[in-house]
Amino acid sequence: MKKFEKFSVFLPGRLKSIFSFQKNIYWEKTIFLKEPMKYTKLFFSLLLIIVLSFTFFSSLPSVYAQNADQNDSALKLYAKSAVLMDADSGRILYQKEGDQILPMASTTKIMTCILALEYGNMDDYAIASSYASSMPKVKLHVKAGEAFKLKDLLYSLMLESHNDAAVVIAEHIAGSTENFADMMNQKARDIGCFDTYFITPNGLDATVTTEDGNVKSHSTTASDLARMMSYCIMDSPKKEAFLEITRAASYSFHSYQEKDGEYVSTGRNFNCNNHNAFLGMMEGALSGKTGFTGNAGYCYVGALRNGQRTFVVALLACGWPNHKTYKWSDTKNLMNYGLDHFEYHRIDEVLYDASTLKPIPVSGGQVDDLDSTAYTNVKIQRDDPLTDSSSSKGLLLRKNEQIQVEFQMEDELTAPVTANTEIGRIRYLVDGSPYLVEYILTAQDVPAINYPWCIRQVLKRFSIY
């Protein structure tokens, strides 16, 4: 009966009293012997209680573990799909259906903007087509034949989310919106967004039938959308220009018309105001883009920087009218979750010490002394820590979370061995997934023993050579 006493320490008071009562009945077993019929029902009742209690008790650890996990990570979010990402490493810190494919509305325009910055000349004049002028609201109300500086259109695109400005930009950069969509899709694949499909440069709901007969919709995932924003603010060669545009509170410009081979002002003036309210909601708010269509609902992607930590939040299907503010609530909840739970670390804090690597014996390798063993030195193929590489960049870890290091290398090699041959790997794991892999290479050639080498060794042994 001691085991019942031990278990009862971890049980709620009601169950503890049951076990204590059972213990008393056990020790007073003579009662059952004297009056068996009277206590038959009580005996089986107690037996049932004991079985149920053990069943309940055995389930407690998993129940408590589940509740602990929910209390720690289950945020109350309105969005159907949401992701909190470490922009530095691309690691997803929190997600709710982060890989669900959904329409993205005007958050599309971050890709339109970054492509225009990377492939366009900001001082070029872009001519509005009749197709561009036919775009629905929200729009700049461009006129067919009217010219705009590309830089001005990017402010119209990102601050006011003008749909016609997006088309003028796309047609200027790629000749048509279809060609520009191809560029967008290629860029998405280049940065690792494989669940994204662009059709329009402005994010209006659209579907197409591909050559293989599949129907594709203009869509992405919260994971991909966060990855796109991370690229725009961290890795793109035009990241500073992107931040300058998306952080601007307002911007004014005018349109042009061609006259005698030159562009002159039409007299039409425009003023844009930034509608990304998150920029004023939290200290460190860095960038962002809103979006809405009837199919997509309210969407948002935004970034925040706190010291060396940069967070990106992506939200899809975050409510419909009249719930326009849900996206701000979700964004702040996710950003605060990141600030409260994650700390900045550098991967080079745990890089394997290359100086501890020892030469590896090479069986059948040539040596200067016949009685010695051939060896090859080894080295780690490692990025220059002064460059912007994986080993020098930072990543966010939970408090008390550690980077695990897995080391694997050959114990012995067989000649011939050539320099820079891979003989091992060092894997750095975060939450069980590889974050960085370094390769262990041979440092020099070790030729195999051959007939001329044997002749030289014989001659050397007899002091003839």
Protein backbone atom coordinates (compact mmCIF):
# COMPACT_ATOMS: atom_id res chain seq x y z
CA MET A 1 0.00 0.00 0.00
CA LYS A 2 2.99 2.32 0.14
CA LYS A 3 2.78 2.92 -3.57
CA PHE A 4 -0.65 4.50 -3.09
CA GLU A 5 0.79 6.87 -0.53
CA LYS A 6 3.57 7.83 -2.91
CA PHE A 7 1.22 8.49 -5.82
CA SER A 8 -1.23 10.43 -3.74
CA VAL A 9 1.32 13.20 -3.28
CA PHE A 10 0.86 14.16 -6.92
CA LEU A 11 -2.91 13.85 -7.06
CA PRO A 12 -5.66 16.41 -6.51
CA GLY A 13 -7.17 16.44 -3.03
CA ARG A 14 -10.31 14.47 -3.93
CA LEU A 15 -8.35 11.57 -5.44
CA LYS A 16 -5.91 11.68 -2.55
CA SER A 17 -8.76 11.19 -0.10
CA ILE A 18 -10.03 8.23 -2.12
CA PHE A 19 -6.68 6.47 -1.91
CA SER A 20 -6.45 7.20 1.81
CA PHE A 21 -9.90 5.71 2.34
CA GLN A 22 -8.92 2.66 0.29
CA LYS A 23 -5.88 2.18 2.48
CA ASN A 24 -8.04 2.08 5.63
CA ILE A 25 -10.34 -0.51 4.10
CA TYR A 26 -7.34 -2.62 3.12
CA TRP A 27 -5.96 -2.78 6.63
CA GLU A 28 -9.37 -3.54 8.09
CA LYS A 29 -9.81 -6.59 5.85
CA THR A 30 -11.41 -8.57 8.69
CA ILE A 31 -14.59 -6.63 8.05
CA PHE A 32 -14.90 -8.29 4.66
CA LEU A 33 -14.38 -11.69 6.19
CA LYS A 34 -17.07 -11.21 8.84
CA GLU A 35 -19.69 -9.55 6.71
CA PRO A 36 -18.96 -10.39 3.05
CA MET A 37 -22.46 -9.77 1.66
CA LYS A 38 -22.73 -6.36 3.26
CA TYR A 39 -19.52 -5.15 1.71
CA THR A 40 -19.66 -6.86 -1.70
CA LYS A 41 -21.00 -3.76 -3.46
CA LEU A 42 -18.54 -1.57 -1.60
CA PHE A 43 -15.65 -3.82 -2.60
CA PHE A 44 -16.47 -3.73 -6.32
CA SER A 45 -17.16 -0.02 -6.14
CA LEU A 46 -13.76 0.57 -4.62
CA LEU A 47 -12.16 -1.68 -7.22
CA LEU A 48 -13.78 0.35 -9.99
CA ILE A 49 -12.65 3.59 -8.35
CA ILE A 50 -9.08 2.28 -8.12
CA VAL A 51 -9.02 1.25 -11.81
CA LEU A 52 -10.49 4.56 -12.94
CA SER A 53 -8.12 6.46 -10.66
CA PHE A 54 -5.09 4.69 -12.08
CA THR A 55 -6.34 5.39 -15.59
CA PHE A 56 -6.80 9.04 -14.75
CA PHE A 57 -3.46 9.23 -13.00
CA SER A 58 -1.56 7.63 -15.87
CA SER A 59 -3.02 10.21 -18.23
CA LEU A 60 -2.03 13.17 -16.09
CA PRO A 61 1.48 13.69 -17.50
CA SER A 62 0.27 13.91 -21.09
CA VAL A 63 -2.67 16.13 -20.09
CA TYR A 64 -0.45 18.46 -18.14
CA ALA A 65 2.13 18.50 -20.94
CA GLN A 66 -0.53 19.35 -23.48
CA ASN A 67 -1.91 22.17 -21.34
CA ALA A 68 1.58 23.51 -20.72
CA ASP A 69 2.23 23.59 -24.45
CA GLN A 70 -1.05 25.37 -25.10
CA ASN A 71 -0.44 27.92 -22.38
CA ASP A 72 3.01 28.58 -23.78
CA SER A 73 2.34 28.80 -27.50
CA ALA A 74 -1.37 28.81 -28.35
CA LEU A 75 -2.14 32.44 -29.03
CA LYS A 76 -5.67 33.63 -29.64
CA LEU A 77 -5.49 34.79 -33.25
CA TYR A 78 -8.23 35.84 -35.63
CA ALA A 79 -6.28 35.02 -38.78
CA LYS A 80 -6.98 31.73 -40.51
CA SER A 81 -3.28 31.47 -41.28
CA ALA A 82 -0.46 33.20 -39.39
CA VAL A 83 3.34 33.02 -39.09
CA LEU A 84 5.92 34.67 -36.89
CA MET A 85 9.35 34.41 -38.52
CA ASP A 86 12.91 35.23 -37.53
CA ALA A 87 13.84 37.41 -40.49
CA ASP A 88 17.57 36.85 -39.93
CA SER A 89 17.54 33.07 -40.18
CA GLY A 90 14.18 32.41 -41.85
CA ARG A 91 13.20 30.17 -38.93
CA ILE A 92 9.48 30.00 -38.17
CA LEU A 93 9.01 30.81 -34.49
CA TYR A 94 5.24 30.36 -34.36
CA GLN A 95 2.61 29.37 -36.87
CA LYS A 96 -1.07 28.72 -37.18
CA GLU A 97 -1.83 26.81 -40.38
CA GLY A 98 1.22 28.51 -41.83
CA ASP A 99 1.33 26.32 -44.95
CA GLN A 100 -2.32 26.74 -45.94
CA ILE A 101 -2.59 28.16 -49.46
CA LEU A 102 -4.81 31.25 -49.52
CA PRO A 103 -5.27 34.43 -51.57
CA MET A 104 -2.99 37.27 -50.46
CA ALA A 105 -4.62 40.47 -51.78
CA SER A 106 -2.36 43.55 -51.87
CA THR A 107 0.42 42.03 -49.78
CA THR A 108 1.38 40.90 -53.31
CA LYS A 109 2.78 44.37 -53.83
CA ILE A 110 5.90 43.75 -51.75
CA MET A 111 7.06 41.45 -54.55
CA THR A 112 6.07 43.98 -57.21
CA CYS A 113 8.02 46.67 -55.39
CA ILE A 114 11.21 44.67 -54.82
CA LEU A 115 11.33 43.49 -58.44
CA ALA A 116 10.88 47.06 -59.69
CA LEU A 117 13.69 48.21 -57.39
CA GLU A 118 16.02 45.42 -58.50
CA TYR A 119 15.33 45.56 -62.25
CA GLY A 120 14.18 49.09 -62.89
CA ASN A 121 15.75 52.54 -63.10
CA MET A 122 14.03 54.84 -60.62
CA ASP A 123 14.38 57.84 -62.93
CA ASP A 124 12.76 56.09 -65.89
CA TYR A 125 9.38 57.28 -67.15
CA ALA A 126 6.68 54.62 -67.20
CA ILE A 127 3.76 55.12 -69.58
CA ALA A 128 0.26 54.18 -68.44
CA SER A 129 -1.71 51.92 -70.76
CA SER A 130 -5.47 51.81 -71.24
CA TYR A 131 -5.43 48.46 -69.44
CA ALA A 132 -3.73 50.06 -66.43
CA SER A 133 -6.28 52.87 -66.37
CA SER A 134 -9.11 50.31 -66.24
CA MET A 135 -8.04 48.86 -62.89
CA PRO A 136 -10.60 49.00 -60.05
CA LYS A 137 -10.24 50.95 -56.86
CA VAL A 138 -8.08 51.56 -54.93
CA LYS A 139 -6.39 53.46 -57.77
CA LEU A 140 -4.30 56.48 -58.67
CA HIS A 141 -6.62 57.22 -61.64
CA VAL A 142 -3.87 57.16 -64.24
CA LYS A 143 -4.79 58.15 -67.79
CA ALA A 144 -3.74 56.23 -70.85
CA GLY A 145 -0.57 57.80 -72.27
CA GLU A 146 0.27 59.59 -69.02
CA ALA A 147 3.87 59.16 -67.79
CA PHE A 148 5.19 58.73 -64.26
CA LYS A 149 8.63 58.36 -62.81
CA LEU A 150 9.09 54.77 -61.68
CA LYS A 151 10.17 55.89 -58.21
CA ASP A 152 6.96 57.91 -57.78
CA LEU A 153 4.84 54.92 -58.75
CA LEU A 154 6.49 52.80 -56.05
CA TYR A 155 5.31 55.22 -53.38
CA SER A 156 1.83 55.13 -54.91
CA LEU A 157 2.03 51.33 -54.87
CA MET A 158 3.19 50.85 -51.28
CA LEU A 159 1.64 53.78 -49.41
CA GLU A 160 -1.81 53.94 -51.00
CA SER A 161 -1.85 50.44 -52.56
CA HIS A 162 -2.97 51.77 -55.94
CA ASN A 163 -3.90 48.93 -58.28
CA ASP A 164 -3.34 50.85 -61.49
CA ALA A 165 0.14 51.93 -60.37
CA ALA A 166 1.04 48.23 -60.02
CA VAL A 167 0.05 47.54 -63.61
CA VAL A 168 2.01 50.53 -64.95
CA ILE A 169 5.07 49.28 -63.06
CA ALA A 170 4.66 45.69 -64.28
CA GLU A 171 4.20 46.70 -67.93
CA HIS A 172 7.20 49.02 -67.74
CA ILE A 173 9.53 46.40 -66.23
CA ALA A 174 8.43 43.33 -68.22
CA GLY A 175 6.33 44.55 -71.14
CA SER A 176 3.13 42.94 -69.87
CA THR A 177 1.54 41.81 -66.62
CA GLU A 178 1.86 38.20 -67.79
CA ASN A 179 5.61 38.53 -68.27
CA PHE A 180 5.90 40.30 -64.94
CA ALA A 181 3.98 37.48 -63.23
CA ASP A 182 6.57 35.07 -64.64
CA MET A 183 9.28 37.20 -63.06
CA MET A 184 7.41 37.22 -59.76
CA ASN A 185 7.02 33.45 -59.75
CA GLN A 186 10.67 32.91 -60.61
CA LYS A 187 11.75 35.24 -57.83
CA ALA A 188 9.46 33.43 -55.40
CA ARG A 189 11.15 30.12 -56.27
CA ASP A 190 14.60 31.69 -56.03
CA ILE A 191 14.02 32.71 -52.41
CA GLY A 192 12.37 29.43 -51.42
CA CYS A 193 8.65 30.23 -51.77
CA PHE A 194 7.35 27.12 -53.50
CA ASP A 195 3.68 27.38 -52.47
CA THR A 196 3.17 30.80 -54.06
CA TYR A 197 1.63 31.55 -57.44
CA PHE A 198 1.39 35.09 -58.83
CA ILE A 199 -1.02 36.10 -61.58
CA THR A 200 -1.43 39.86 -61.03
CA PRO A 201 1.02 42.53 -59.87
CA ASN A 202 -1.55 44.12 -57.55
CA GLY A 203 -3.06 41.10 -55.76
CA LEU A 204 -6.57 41.27 -57.20
CA ASP A 205 -8.23 37.86 -57.05
CA ALA A 206 -7.51 35.90 -60.21
CA THR A 207 -7.36 32.36 -61.59
CA VAL A 208 -5.73 30.91 -64.71
CA THR A 209 -5.64 27.55 -66.43
CA THR A 210 -2.05 26.45 -66.99
CA GLU A 211 -0.76 24.60 -70.06
CA ASP A 212 -1.09 21.27 -68.26
CA GLY A 213 -4.78 21.97 -67.59
CA ASN A 214 -4.50 22.82 -63.90
CA VAL A 215 -6.47 25.75 -62.53
CA LYS A 216 -4.21 28.01 -60.47
CA SER A 217 -5.27 30.93 -58.30
CA HIS A 218 -3.33 33.98 -57.19
CA SER A 219 -2.23 32.71 -53.79
CA THR A 220 0.50 32.12 -51.23
CA THR A 221 0.98 30.83 -47.69
CA ALA A 222 1.74 32.79 -44.55
CA SER A 223 5.12 31.03 -44.44
CA ASP A 224 5.98 32.11 -47.98
CA LEU A 225 4.68 35.64 -47.44
CA ALA A 226 6.86 36.02 -44.34
CA ARG A 227 9.83 34.70 -46.32
CA MET A 228 9.21 37.26 -49.05
CA MET A 229 9.15 40.12 -46.56
CA SER A 230 12.30 38.79 -44.91
CA TYR A 231 14.02 38.86 -48.29
CA CYS A 232 12.85 42.41 -48.98
CA ILE A 233 14.22 43.82 -45.71
CA MET A 234 17.23 41.56 -45.07
CA ASP A 235 18.73 40.07 -48.23
CA SER A 236 17.74 42.07 -51.28
CA PRO A 237 20.45 44.38 -52.69
CA LYS A 238 17.70 47.03 -52.67
CA LYS A 239 16.57 46.47 -49.08
CA GLU A 240 17.41 50.02 -47.97
CA ALA A 241 15.37 51.53 -50.79
CA PHE A 242 12.48 49.18 -49.96
CA LEU A 243 12.55 50.27 -46.31
CA GLU A 244 12.77 53.95 -47.27
CA ILE A 245 9.63 53.68 -49.40
CA THR A 246 7.55 51.57 -47.02
CA ARG A 247 8.45 53.69 -43.98
CA ALA A 248 7.57 57.03 -45.56
CA ALA A 249 4.66 58.78 -43.87
CA SER A 250 3.64 60.61 -47.05
CA TYR A 251 4.89 61.41 -50.53
CA SER A 252 3.95 63.91 -53.25
CA PHE A 253 4.62 63.81 -56.99
CA HIS A 254 3.14 64.75 -60.35
CA SER A 255 2.62 63.11 -63.73
CA TYR A 256 4.27 63.89 -67.07
CA GLN A 257 3.54 64.00 -70.76
CA GLU A 258 5.94 63.71 -73.64
CA LYS A 259 6.43 66.89 -75.65
CA ASP A 260 9.08 67.40 -78.32
CA GLY A 261 11.03 64.40 -77.06
CA GLU A 262 11.00 65.55 -73.46
CA TYR A 263 8.79 64.85 -70.48
CA VAL A 264 7.06 67.84 -68.93
CA SER A 265 4.62 68.08 -66.06
CA THR A 266 0.94 67.67 -66.83
CA GLY A 267 0.00 69.81 -63.88
CA ARG A 268 -1.66 66.87 -62.15
CA ASN A 269 -0.33 66.53 -58.62
CA PHE A 270 -0.72 63.54 -56.32
CA ASN A 271 -0.26 63.00 -52.61
CA CYS A 272 0.09 59.62 -50.92
CA ASN A 273 -0.25 58.77 -47.25
CA ASN A 274 0.99 55.60 -45.59
CA HIS A 275 -1.87 53.34 -44.45
CA ASN A 276 0.33 50.93 -42.52
CA ALA A 277 -0.95 51.83 -39.05
CA PHE A 278 1.37 49.29 -37.43
CA LEU A 279 4.29 51.70 -37.95
CA GLY A 280 2.89 53.78 -35.09
CA MET A 281 1.71 50.94 -32.87
CA MET A 282 4.91 49.38 -31.59
CA GLU A 283 8.42 50.63 -31.00
CA GLY A 284 10.72 49.25 -33.64
CA ALA A 285 8.01 48.76 -36.30
CA LEU A 286 9.99 48.56 -39.52
CA SER A 287 7.86 47.95 -42.58
CA GLY A 288 4.64 46.35 -43.75
CA LYS A 289 1.87 46.04 -46.30
CA THR A 290 -1.87 45.67 -45.90
CA GLY A 291 -4.27 43.93 -48.25
CA PHE A 292 -7.95 43.20 -48.76
CA THR A 293 -10.23 41.58 -51.30
CA GLY A 294 -13.61 39.99 -50.82
CA ASN A 295 -12.07 36.56 -51.37
CA ALA A 296 -8.88 37.05 -49.36
CA GLY A 297 -10.26 39.01 -46.43
CA TYR A 298 -7.90 41.29 -44.53
CA CYS A 299 -4.25 40.36 -44.92
CA TYR A 300 -1.04 41.84 -43.56
CA VAL A 301 2.70 41.34 -43.57
CA GLY A 302 4.92 43.46 -41.34
CA ALA A 303 8.31 43.62 -39.69
CA LEU A 304 9.69 44.85 -36.37
CA ARG A 305 13.30 45.29 -35.23
CA ASN A 306 14.38 45.24 -31.60
CA GLY A 307 18.14 45.44 -31.14
CA GLN A 308 19.58 42.51 -33.10
CA ARG A 309 16.21 40.77 -33.38
CA THR A 310 14.08 41.21 -36.48
CA PHE A 311 10.61 39.66 -36.57
CA VAL A 312 8.23 39.27 -39.49
CA VAL A 313 4.50 38.56 -39.11
CA ALA A 314 2.34 37.35 -41.98
CA LEU A 315 -1.45 37.06 -41.71
CA LEU A 316 -3.92 35.70 -44.26
CA ALA A 317 -7.72 35.73 -44.01
CA CYS A 318 -7.65 37.84 -40.86
CA GLY A 319 -11.32 38.72 -40.77
CA TRP A 320 -13.74 40.42 -43.13
CA PRO A 321 -15.74 43.66 -42.77
CA ASN A 322 -16.41 44.93 -40.16
CA HIS A 323 -13.28 43.49 -38.56
CA LYS A 324 -10.61 45.63 -40.11
CA THR A 325 -8.67 45.92 -36.83
CA TYR A 326 -8.20 42.18 -36.30
CA LYS A 327 -4.93 42.26 -38.25
CA TRP A 328 -3.43 44.83 -35.88
CA SER A 329 -4.43 42.80 -32.84
CA ASP A 330 -2.91 39.61 -34.29
CA THR A 331 0.25 41.39 -35.36
CA LYS A 332 0.86 42.87 -31.93
CA ASN A 333 0.15 39.55 -30.21
CA LEU A 334 2.64 37.73 -32.39
CA MET A 335 5.29 40.42 -32.14
CA ASN A 336 4.99 40.53 -28.34
CA TYR A 337 5.18 36.75 -28.24
CA GLY A 338 8.45 36.92 -30.15
CA LEU A 339 9.86 39.66 -27.94
CA ASP A 340 8.96 37.76 -24.78
CA HIS A 341 10.18 34.30 -25.75
CA PHE A 342 13.18 34.60 -28.08
CA GLU A 343 16.75 35.81 -27.70
CA TYR A 344 19.40 36.61 -30.30
CA HIS A 345 22.36 34.29 -30.77
CA ARG A 346 25.06 33.88 -33.38
CA ILE A 347 25.73 30.49 -34.89
CA ASP A 348 29.46 31.11 -34.59
CA GLU A 349 29.03 30.90 -30.82
CA VAL A 350 28.91 27.11 -31.22
CA LEU A 351 31.01 26.55 -34.35
CA TYR A 352 33.18 23.45 -34.10
CA ASP A 353 36.80 24.28 -33.20
CA ALA A 354 38.75 23.45 -36.35
CA SER A 355 42.04 23.39 -34.41
CA THR A 356 40.95 20.18 -32.66
CA LEU A 357 40.80 18.22 -35.91
CA LYS A 358 43.62 15.68 -36.18
CA PRO A 359 45.20 14.23 -39.34
CA ILE A 360 43.56 11.05 -40.66
CA PRO A 361 45.60 7.95 -41.53
CA VAL A 362 45.60 6.95 -45.19
CA SER A 363 45.95 3.24 -45.88
CA GLY A 364 48.25 2.48 -48.81
CA GLY A 365 49.47 6.05 -49.05
CA GLN A 366 52.98 7.10 -49.99
CA VAL A 367 55.28 8.31 -47.20
CA ASP A 368 58.90 9.45 -46.99
CA ASP A 369 59.78 6.83 -44.42
CA LEU A 370 58.90 3.22 -45.21
CA ASP A 371 58.12 2.48 -41.56
CA SER A 372 55.69 5.39 -41.10
CA THR A 373 51.98 5.78 -41.84
CA ALA A 374 50.59 8.17 -44.39
CA TYR A 375 48.29 10.90 -43.09
CA THR A 376 46.30 13.75 -44.56
CA ASN A 377 45.45 16.94 -42.74
CA VAL A 378 41.81 17.95 -42.72
CA LYS A 379 40.00 21.28 -42.75
CA ILE A 380 36.47 22.66 -42.42
CA GLN A 381 34.91 24.37 -45.40
CA ARG A 382 33.76 27.48 -43.59
CA ASP A 383 32.49 30.85 -44.73
CA ASP A 384 34.48 33.96 -43.99
CA PRO A 385 33.04 35.24 -40.67
CA LEU A 386 33.36 38.80 -41.95
CA THR A 387 30.92 38.12 -44.78
CA ASP A 388 27.13 37.99 -44.56
CA SER A 389 27.01 34.19 -44.44
CA SER A 390 24.98 31.57 -42.60
CA SER A 391 27.73 31.00 -40.05
CA SER A 392 28.04 34.70 -39.23
CA LYS A 393 24.35 35.62 -39.21
CA GLY A 394 22.25 35.47 -36.10
CA LEU A 395 19.21 33.48 -35.19
CA LEU A 396 16.55 33.65 -32.51
CA LEU A 397 16.31 30.90 -29.92
CA ARG A 398 13.89 30.31 -27.10
CA LYS A 399 15.25 30.96 -23.67
CA ASN A 400 17.21 27.85 -22.62
CA GLU A 401 17.00 26.45 -26.17
CA GLN A 402 20.34 25.17 -27.44
CA ILE A 403 21.94 24.53 -30.81
CA GLN A 404 22.89 20.87 -31.12
CA VAL A 405 26.08 19.96 -32.96
CA GLU A 406 26.42 16.65 -34.79
CA PHE A 407 29.93 15.62 -35.92
CA GLN A 408 30.68 12.86 -38.41
CA MET A 409 34.06 12.11 -40.02
CA GLU A 410 35.88 9.13 -41.53
CA ASP A 411 38.39 7.39 -39.23
CA GLU A 412 40.64 6.19 -42.04
CA LEU A 413 41.02 6.75 -45.77
CA THR A 414 42.40 4.65 -48.59
CA ALA A 415 44.90 6.05 -51.06
CA PRO A 416 44.86 7.72 -53.44
CA VAL A 417 43.37 10.78 -51.74
CA THR A 418 42.93 14.12 -53.46
CA ALA A 419 42.75 17.49 -51.73
CA ASN A 420 39.31 18.96 -51.00
CA THR A 421 37.59 15.56 -50.84
CA GLU A 422 34.60 15.53 -48.50
CA ILE A 423 35.24 13.12 -45.62
CA GLY A 424 32.74 14.35 -43.03
CA ARG A 425 30.08 16.83 -42.00
CA ILE A 426 29.21 19.00 -39.04
CA ARG A 427 25.50 19.67 -38.65
CA TYR A 428 24.11 22.41 -36.43
CA LEU A 429 20.55 21.57 -35.42
CA VAL A 430 17.89 23.95 -34.14
CA ASP A 431 14.78 22.26 -32.77
CA GLY A 432 15.94 19.05 -34.42
CA SER A 433 16.19 20.56 -37.91
CA PRO A 434 19.49 21.37 -39.67
CA TYR A 435 20.21 25.09 -39.67
CA LEU A 436 23.77 24.94 -41.00
CA VAL A 437 25.91 22.16 -42.46
CA GLU A 438 29.71 22.45 -42.72
CA TYR A 439 31.85 20.04 -44.70
CA ILE A 440 35.12 18.46 -43.57
CA LEU A 441 37.62 18.20 -46.43
CA THR A 442 41.06 16.71 -46.98
CA ALA A 443 43.79 19.36 -47.03
CA GLN A 444 46.28 17.74 -49.43
CA ASP A 445 46.85 14.94 -51.93
CA VAL A 446 48.11 11.55 -50.77
CA PRO A 447 49.13 9.37 -53.74
CA ALA A 448 48.84 5.58 -53.52
CA ILE A 449 51.88 3.31 -53.22
CA ASN A 450 53.06 2.32 -56.71
CA TYR A 451 55.97 0.52 -58.34
CA PRO A 452 58.29 3.57 -58.74
CA TRP A 453 57.73 4.47 -55.08
CA CYS A 454 58.65 0.93 -54.00
CA ILE A 455 61.88 1.04 -56.07
CA ARG A 456 62.83 4.35 -54.47
CA GLN A 457 62.19 3.00 -51.01
CA VAL A 458 64.36 -0.10 -51.64
CA LEU A 459 67.18 2.00 -52.99
CA LYS A 460 66.82 4.40 -50.09
CA ARG A 461 66.89 1.52 -47.60
CA PHE A 462 70.18 0.29 -48.99
CA SER A 463 71.53 3.84 -49.25
CA ILE A 464 71.77 3.63 -52.97
CA TYR A 465 69.17 6.27 -53.75
